[in-house]
Amino acid sequence: MKGLLGFRLAVGLGGLVPVLAGAGGVLAGPAMLGAESGADEDSYFRYLSGLLLGIGLGFWSTLDDPVRHTRRFRLLTAIVVLGGLGRLFGLMVRGVPETPMLAALGMELVVTPLLCLWQARLAR
């Protein structure tokens, strides 16, 4: 199928972001960002990092047959976009974060929805 290899490559590479960030957050906790925290904040950060890791692995789980996994891809995209909207709200109320967080926002609100549209086109 035309475009399938490019799509798989894009999702595979894009999935590195949540997988590496999620694994890093689980292993290092808030220290990954140079932040100190108490046990509660550390626990919450590591939990959310585990979710991020799971999202990345979930996207990777669609690579065997992207056309067949439309519902999973859309659900994962919706989760990522909701997270991005939360990050955008934080930007509005707390100010502009550092460059890595802005890049993550771009992945969440631009790149992931574009990949979802690409997947939908392949599925047609």
N, C-alpha and C. Protein backbone atom coordinates (compact mmCIF):
# COMPACT_ATOMS: atom_id res chain seq x y z
N MET A 1 0.85 -1.18 0.00
CA MET A 1 0.00 0.00 0.00
C MET A 1 0.89 1.24 0.00
N LYS A 2 0.56 2.16 -0.88
CA LYS A 2 1.35 3.38 -1.03
C LYS A 2 1.33 4.22 0.25
N GLY A 3 2.48 4.65 0.69
CA GLY A 3 2.59 5.51 1.86
C GLY A 3 2.67 4.77 3.18
N LEU A 4 2.46 3.47 3.15
CA LEU A 4 2.46 2.71 4.39
C LEU A 4 3.83 2.67 5.06
N LEU A 5 4.86 2.50 4.27
CA LEU A 5 6.22 2.47 4.84
C LEU A 5 6.57 3.81 5.47
N GLY A 6 6.25 4.90 4.78
CA GLY A 6 6.52 6.23 5.33
C GLY A 6 5.74 6.48 6.61
N PHE A 7 4.49 6.01 6.62
CA PHE A 7 3.66 6.17 7.82
C PHE A 7 4.26 5.39 8.99
N ARG A 8 4.63 4.15 8.73
CA ARG A 8 5.23 3.33 9.80
C ARG A 8 6.50 3.98 10.34
N LEU A 9 7.30 4.51 9.44
CA LEU A 9 8.53 5.18 9.86
C LEU A 9 8.21 6.41 10.71
N ALA A 10 7.24 7.21 10.27
CA ALA A 10 6.87 8.42 11.02
C ALA A 10 6.33 8.08 12.40
N VAL A 11 5.48 7.07 12.49
CA VAL A 11 4.92 6.68 13.80
C VAL A 11 6.00 6.04 14.67
N GLY A 12 6.84 5.24 14.05
CA GLY A 12 7.93 4.62 14.81
C GLY A 12 8.86 5.65 15.41
N LEU A 13 9.25 6.63 14.60
CA LEU A 13 10.13 7.69 15.11
C LEU A 13 9.40 8.60 16.09
N GLY A 14 8.16 8.97 15.74
CA GLY A 14 7.38 9.82 16.65
C GLY A 14 7.13 9.14 17.98
N GLY A 15 6.99 7.83 17.97
CA GLY A 15 6.76 7.08 19.20
C GLY A 15 7.97 7.08 20.13
N LEU A 16 9.14 7.39 19.57
CA LEU A 16 10.32 7.48 20.43
C LEU A 16 10.16 8.57 21.49
N VAL A 17 9.44 9.64 21.15
CA VAL A 17 9.29 10.75 22.09
C VAL A 17 8.59 10.30 23.37
N PRO A 18 7.36 9.75 23.29
CA PRO A 18 6.72 9.33 24.55
C PRO A 18 7.40 8.13 25.20
N VAL A 19 7.96 7.23 24.41
CA VAL A 19 8.61 6.07 25.02
C VAL A 19 9.85 6.50 25.81
N LEU A 20 10.70 7.31 25.19
CA LEU A 20 11.92 7.73 25.89
C LEU A 20 11.61 8.69 27.05
N ALA A 21 10.71 9.64 26.82
CA ALA A 21 10.36 10.57 27.90
C ALA A 21 9.65 9.83 29.03
N GLY A 22 8.77 8.92 28.68
CA GLY A 22 8.06 8.16 29.71
C GLY A 22 8.99 7.28 30.51
N ALA A 23 9.87 6.55 29.82
CA ALA A 23 10.82 5.69 30.53
C ALA A 23 11.76 6.52 31.39
N GLY A 24 12.21 7.65 30.84
CA GLY A 24 13.08 8.54 31.61
C GLY A 24 12.41 9.06 32.86
N GLY A 25 11.14 9.42 32.73
CA GLY A 25 10.41 9.92 33.89
C GLY A 25 10.15 8.86 34.94
N VAL A 26 9.87 7.65 34.50
CA VAL A 26 9.67 6.54 35.44
C VAL A 26 10.97 6.27 36.20
N LEU A 27 12.08 6.25 35.48
CA LEU A 27 13.35 5.90 36.11
C LEU A 27 13.93 7.03 36.96
N ALA A 28 13.83 8.28 36.47
CA ALA A 28 14.49 9.40 37.16
C ALA A 28 13.55 10.26 37.98
N GLY A 29 12.26 10.17 37.73
CA GLY A 29 11.31 11.03 38.43
C GLY A 29 11.51 12.48 38.00
N PRO A 30 11.04 13.42 38.80
CA PRO A 30 11.15 14.84 38.45
C PRO A 30 12.58 15.33 38.27
N ALA A 31 13.55 14.58 38.80
CA ALA A 31 14.95 14.95 38.59
C ALA A 31 15.30 14.96 37.11
N MET A 32 14.52 14.25 36.31
CA MET A 32 14.72 14.24 34.86
C MET A 32 14.65 15.67 34.30
N LEU A 33 13.85 16.50 34.94
CA LEU A 33 13.69 17.89 34.53
C LEU A 33 14.52 18.84 35.39
N GLY A 34 15.34 18.29 36.25
CA GLY A 34 16.14 19.11 37.14
C GLY A 34 15.35 19.64 38.31
N ALA A 35 14.21 19.01 38.59
CA ALA A 35 13.34 19.49 39.66
C ALA A 35 13.49 18.60 40.90
N GLU A 36 13.35 19.21 42.04
CA GLU A 36 13.29 18.46 43.29
C GLU A 36 11.84 18.33 43.68
N SER A 37 11.51 17.26 44.41
CA SER A 37 10.12 17.05 44.77
C SER A 37 10.03 16.21 46.03
N GLY A 38 8.85 16.27 46.61
CA GLY A 38 8.55 15.39 47.73
C GLY A 38 8.08 14.05 47.19
N ALA A 39 7.78 13.14 48.11
CA ALA A 39 7.37 11.80 47.71
C ALA A 39 6.07 11.81 46.91
N ASP A 40 5.12 12.69 47.26
CA ASP A 40 3.85 12.73 46.54
C ASP A 40 4.03 13.21 45.11
N GLU A 41 4.80 14.28 44.94
CA GLU A 41 5.05 14.80 43.59
C GLU A 41 5.83 13.79 42.75
N ASP A 42 6.80 13.15 43.39
CA ASP A 42 7.60 12.13 42.70
C ASP A 42 6.70 10.99 42.22
N SER A 43 5.83 10.54 43.09
CA SER A 43 4.92 9.44 42.75
C SER A 43 4.03 9.83 41.58
N TYR A 44 3.47 11.02 41.62
CA TYR A 44 2.57 11.49 40.56
C TYR A 44 3.32 11.63 39.24
N PHE A 45 4.52 12.18 39.28
CA PHE A 45 5.32 12.35 38.08
C PHE A 45 5.65 10.99 37.45
N ARG A 46 6.05 10.04 38.28
CA ARG A 46 6.40 8.72 37.76
C ARG A 46 5.17 8.01 37.21
N TYR A 47 4.01 8.19 37.84
CA TYR A 47 2.78 7.59 37.34
C TYR A 47 2.44 8.15 35.96
N LEU A 48 2.45 9.48 35.83
CA LEU A 48 2.15 10.10 34.54
C LEU A 48 3.19 9.72 33.49
N SER A 49 4.43 9.55 33.90
CA SER A 49 5.47 9.10 32.98
C SER A 49 5.18 7.69 32.49
N GLY A 50 4.69 6.84 33.37
CA GLY A 50 4.30 5.49 32.97
C GLY A 50 3.16 5.51 31.96
N LEU A 51 2.22 6.42 32.15
CA LEU A 51 1.14 6.57 31.17
C LEU A 51 1.69 7.01 29.82
N LEU A 52 2.62 7.95 29.85
CA LEU A 52 3.24 8.42 28.62
C LEU A 52 3.98 7.28 27.92
N LEU A 53 4.69 6.49 28.66
CA LEU A 53 5.36 5.32 28.11
C LEU A 53 4.33 4.39 27.46
N GLY A 54 3.23 4.16 28.14
CA GLY A 54 2.17 3.30 27.61
C GLY A 54 1.56 3.84 26.32
N ILE A 55 1.41 5.15 26.24
CA ILE A 55 0.87 5.76 25.02
C ILE A 55 1.82 5.51 23.85
N GLY A 56 3.10 5.71 24.08
CA GLY A 56 4.08 5.45 23.02
C GLY A 56 4.08 4.00 22.58
N LEU A 57 4.05 3.08 23.54
CA LEU A 57 3.99 1.66 23.21
C LEU A 57 2.69 1.33 22.49
N GLY A 58 1.61 2.00 22.88
CA GLY A 58 0.33 1.80 22.21
C GLY A 58 0.39 2.21 20.74
N PHE A 59 1.02 3.33 20.46
CA PHE A 59 1.19 3.73 19.06
C PHE A 59 2.05 2.71 18.32
N TRP A 60 3.11 2.27 18.95
CA TRP A 60 3.97 1.27 18.30
C TRP A 60 3.20 -0.02 18.03
N SER A 61 2.22 -0.34 18.88
CA SER A 61 1.46 -1.59 18.69
C SER A 61 0.59 -1.55 17.44
N THR A 62 0.44 -0.39 16.83
CA THR A 62 -0.36 -0.30 15.60
C THR A 62 0.48 -0.52 14.35
N LEU A 63 1.79 -0.59 14.49
CA LEU A 63 2.67 -0.61 13.32
C LEU A 63 2.58 -1.88 12.49
N ASP A 64 2.18 -2.99 13.09
CA ASP A 64 2.10 -4.23 12.32
C ASP A 64 1.06 -4.13 11.20
N ASP A 65 -0.06 -3.47 11.47
CA ASP A 65 -1.12 -3.32 10.47
C ASP A 65 -1.89 -2.03 10.77
N PRO A 66 -1.31 -0.88 10.41
CA PRO A 66 -1.93 0.41 10.75
C PRO A 66 -3.36 0.58 10.25
N VAL A 67 -3.67 -0.02 9.13
CA VAL A 67 -5.01 0.10 8.56
C VAL A 67 -6.04 -0.57 9.47
N ARG A 68 -5.67 -1.65 10.08
CA ARG A 68 -6.59 -2.42 10.95
C ARG A 68 -6.78 -1.77 12.32
N HIS A 69 -5.87 -0.89 12.72
CA HIS A 69 -5.89 -0.34 14.08
C HIS A 69 -6.42 1.10 14.15
N THR A 70 -7.38 1.42 13.32
CA THR A 70 -7.91 2.78 13.27
C THR A 70 -8.48 3.22 14.62
N ARG A 71 -9.29 2.39 15.24
CA ARG A 71 -9.91 2.79 16.52
C ARG A 71 -8.87 3.03 17.60
N ARG A 72 -7.88 2.16 17.69
CA ARG A 72 -6.81 2.33 18.69
C ARG A 72 -6.03 3.61 18.41
N PHE A 73 -5.72 3.85 17.14
CA PHE A 73 -4.95 5.04 16.78
C PHE A 73 -5.72 6.30 17.14
N ARG A 74 -7.00 6.31 16.87
CA ARG A 74 -7.82 7.48 17.19
C ARG A 74 -7.96 7.69 18.69
N LEU A 75 -8.11 6.61 19.44
CA LEU A 75 -8.20 6.75 20.89
C LEU A 75 -6.89 7.30 21.46
N LEU A 76 -5.77 6.75 21.03
CA LEU A 76 -4.48 7.25 21.49
C LEU A 76 -4.29 8.71 21.10
N THR A 77 -4.70 9.07 19.89
CA THR A 77 -4.59 10.46 19.46
C THR A 77 -5.44 11.36 20.34
N ALA A 78 -6.66 10.95 20.65
CA ALA A 78 -7.53 11.76 21.51
C ALA A 78 -6.90 11.96 22.89
N ILE A 79 -6.29 10.92 23.43
CA ILE A 79 -5.62 11.04 24.74
C ILE A 79 -4.48 12.04 24.66
N VAL A 80 -3.68 11.95 23.60
CA VAL A 80 -2.54 12.86 23.44
C VAL A 80 -3.03 14.29 23.26
N VAL A 81 -4.06 14.51 22.47
CA VAL A 81 -4.58 15.87 22.24
C VAL A 81 -5.14 16.44 23.54
N LEU A 82 -5.85 15.63 24.32
CA LEU A 82 -6.35 16.11 25.62
C LEU A 82 -5.19 16.53 26.52
N GLY A 83 -4.14 15.74 26.55
CA GLY A 83 -2.96 16.12 27.31
C GLY A 83 -2.35 17.41 26.80
N GLY A 84 -2.32 17.57 25.49
CA GLY A 84 -1.79 18.79 24.90
C GLY A 84 -2.64 20.00 25.24
N LEU A 85 -3.95 19.81 25.28
CA LEU A 85 -4.83 20.92 25.67
C LEU A 85 -4.58 21.31 27.13
N GLY A 86 -4.33 20.31 27.97
CA GLY A 86 -3.96 20.61 29.36
C GLY A 86 -2.66 21.39 29.43
N ARG A 87 -1.69 20.99 28.61
CA ARG A 87 -0.41 21.71 28.58
C ARG A 87 -0.61 23.14 28.07
N LEU A 88 -1.47 23.30 27.05
CA LEU A 88 -1.76 24.62 26.52
C LEU A 88 -2.43 25.51 27.57
N PHE A 89 -3.34 24.93 28.35
CA PHE A 89 -3.96 25.68 29.44
C PHE A 89 -2.89 26.14 30.44
N GLY A 90 -1.97 25.25 30.76
CA GLY A 90 -0.88 25.61 31.66
C GLY A 90 -0.05 26.75 31.11
N LEU A 91 0.19 26.74 29.82
CA LEU A 91 0.94 27.82 29.18
C LEU A 91 0.21 29.15 29.36
N MET A 92 -1.11 29.11 29.23
CA MET A 92 -1.89 30.34 29.35
C MET A 92 -1.93 30.87 30.78
N VAL A 93 -1.98 29.99 31.76
CA VAL A 93 -2.10 30.45 33.15
C VAL A 93 -0.75 30.61 33.86
N ARG A 94 0.29 29.91 33.40
CA ARG A 94 1.58 29.97 34.08
C ARG A 94 2.69 30.61 33.27
N GLY A 95 2.47 30.78 31.97
CA GLY A 95 3.50 31.35 31.12
C GLY A 95 4.13 30.31 30.21
N VAL A 96 4.98 30.80 29.36
CA VAL A 96 5.61 29.94 28.35
C VAL A 96 6.70 29.08 28.98
N PRO A 97 6.61 27.77 28.78
CA PRO A 97 7.64 26.88 29.33
C PRO A 97 8.89 26.87 28.44
N GLU A 98 9.86 26.08 28.85
CA GLU A 98 11.11 25.94 28.10
C GLU A 98 10.87 25.22 26.76
N THR A 99 11.85 25.30 25.90
CA THR A 99 11.75 24.76 24.53
C THR A 99 11.33 23.29 24.47
N PRO A 100 11.85 22.39 25.30
CA PRO A 100 11.41 20.99 25.19
C PRO A 100 9.90 20.83 25.42
N MET A 101 9.34 21.63 26.32
CA MET A 101 7.90 21.53 26.57
C MET A 101 7.09 22.10 25.41
N LEU A 102 7.62 23.13 24.78
CA LEU A 102 6.96 23.68 23.59
C LEU A 102 7.01 22.67 22.44
N ALA A 103 8.12 21.96 22.32
CA ALA A 103 8.23 20.92 21.29
C ALA A 103 7.22 19.80 21.57
N ALA A 104 7.07 19.45 22.83
CA ALA A 104 6.08 18.43 23.19
C ALA A 104 4.67 18.90 22.84
N LEU A 105 4.40 20.17 23.09
CA LEU A 105 3.09 20.74 22.74
C LEU A 105 2.84 20.63 21.24
N GLY A 106 3.86 20.90 20.44
CA GLY A 106 3.75 20.75 18.99
C GLY A 106 3.46 19.31 18.59
N MET A 107 4.11 18.36 19.25
CA MET A 107 3.85 16.94 18.99
C MET A 107 2.40 16.60 19.33
N GLU A 108 1.92 17.14 20.44
CA GLU A 108 0.59 16.78 20.94
C GLU A 108 -0.54 17.40 20.13
N LEU A 109 -0.37 18.64 19.72
CA LEU A 109 -1.48 19.35 19.07
C LEU A 109 -1.35 19.48 17.56
N VAL A 110 -0.17 19.14 17.01
CA VAL A 110 0.01 19.26 15.56
C VAL A 110 0.42 17.91 14.96
N VAL A 111 1.54 17.38 15.39
CA VAL A 111 2.09 16.17 14.75
C VAL A 111 1.17 14.97 14.93
N THR A 112 0.73 14.71 16.15
CA THR A 112 -0.11 13.53 16.39
C THR A 112 -1.43 13.60 15.63
N PRO A 113 -2.16 14.74 15.65
CA PRO A 113 -3.37 14.80 14.82
C PRO A 113 -3.10 14.62 13.33
N LEU A 114 -1.96 15.13 12.84
CA LEU A 114 -1.63 14.93 11.43
C LEU A 114 -1.35 13.45 11.13
N LEU A 115 -0.70 12.78 12.04
CA LEU A 115 -0.49 11.34 11.87
C LEU A 115 -1.82 10.59 11.87
N CYS A 116 -2.74 11.02 12.70
CA CYS A 116 -4.06 10.39 12.76
C CYS A 116 -4.80 10.59 11.43
N LEU A 117 -4.70 11.78 10.86
CA LEU A 117 -5.32 12.03 9.56
C LEU A 117 -4.67 11.15 8.48
N TRP A 118 -3.37 11.00 8.55
CA TRP A 118 -2.65 10.15 7.61
C TRP A 118 -3.12 8.70 7.75
N GLN A 119 -3.25 8.24 8.98
CA GLN A 119 -3.70 6.89 9.22
C GLN A 119 -5.12 6.70 8.65
N ALA A 120 -5.99 7.68 8.86
CA ALA A 120 -7.36 7.59 8.35
C ALA A 120 -7.35 7.53 6.83
N ARG A 121 -6.48 8.26 6.22
CA ARG A 121 -6.38 8.23 4.76
C ARG A 121 -5.92 6.86 4.27
N LEU A 122 -4.95 6.27 4.97
CA LEU A 122 -4.50 4.94 4.61
C LEU A 122 -5.61 3.90 4.79
N ALA A 123 -6.43 4.10 5.81
CA ALA A 123 -7.49 3.14 6.11
C ALA A 123 -8.64 3.20 5.11
N ARG A 124 -8.75 4.29 4.37
CA ARG A 124 -9.82 4.41 3.36
C ARG A 124 -9.57 3.57 2.17
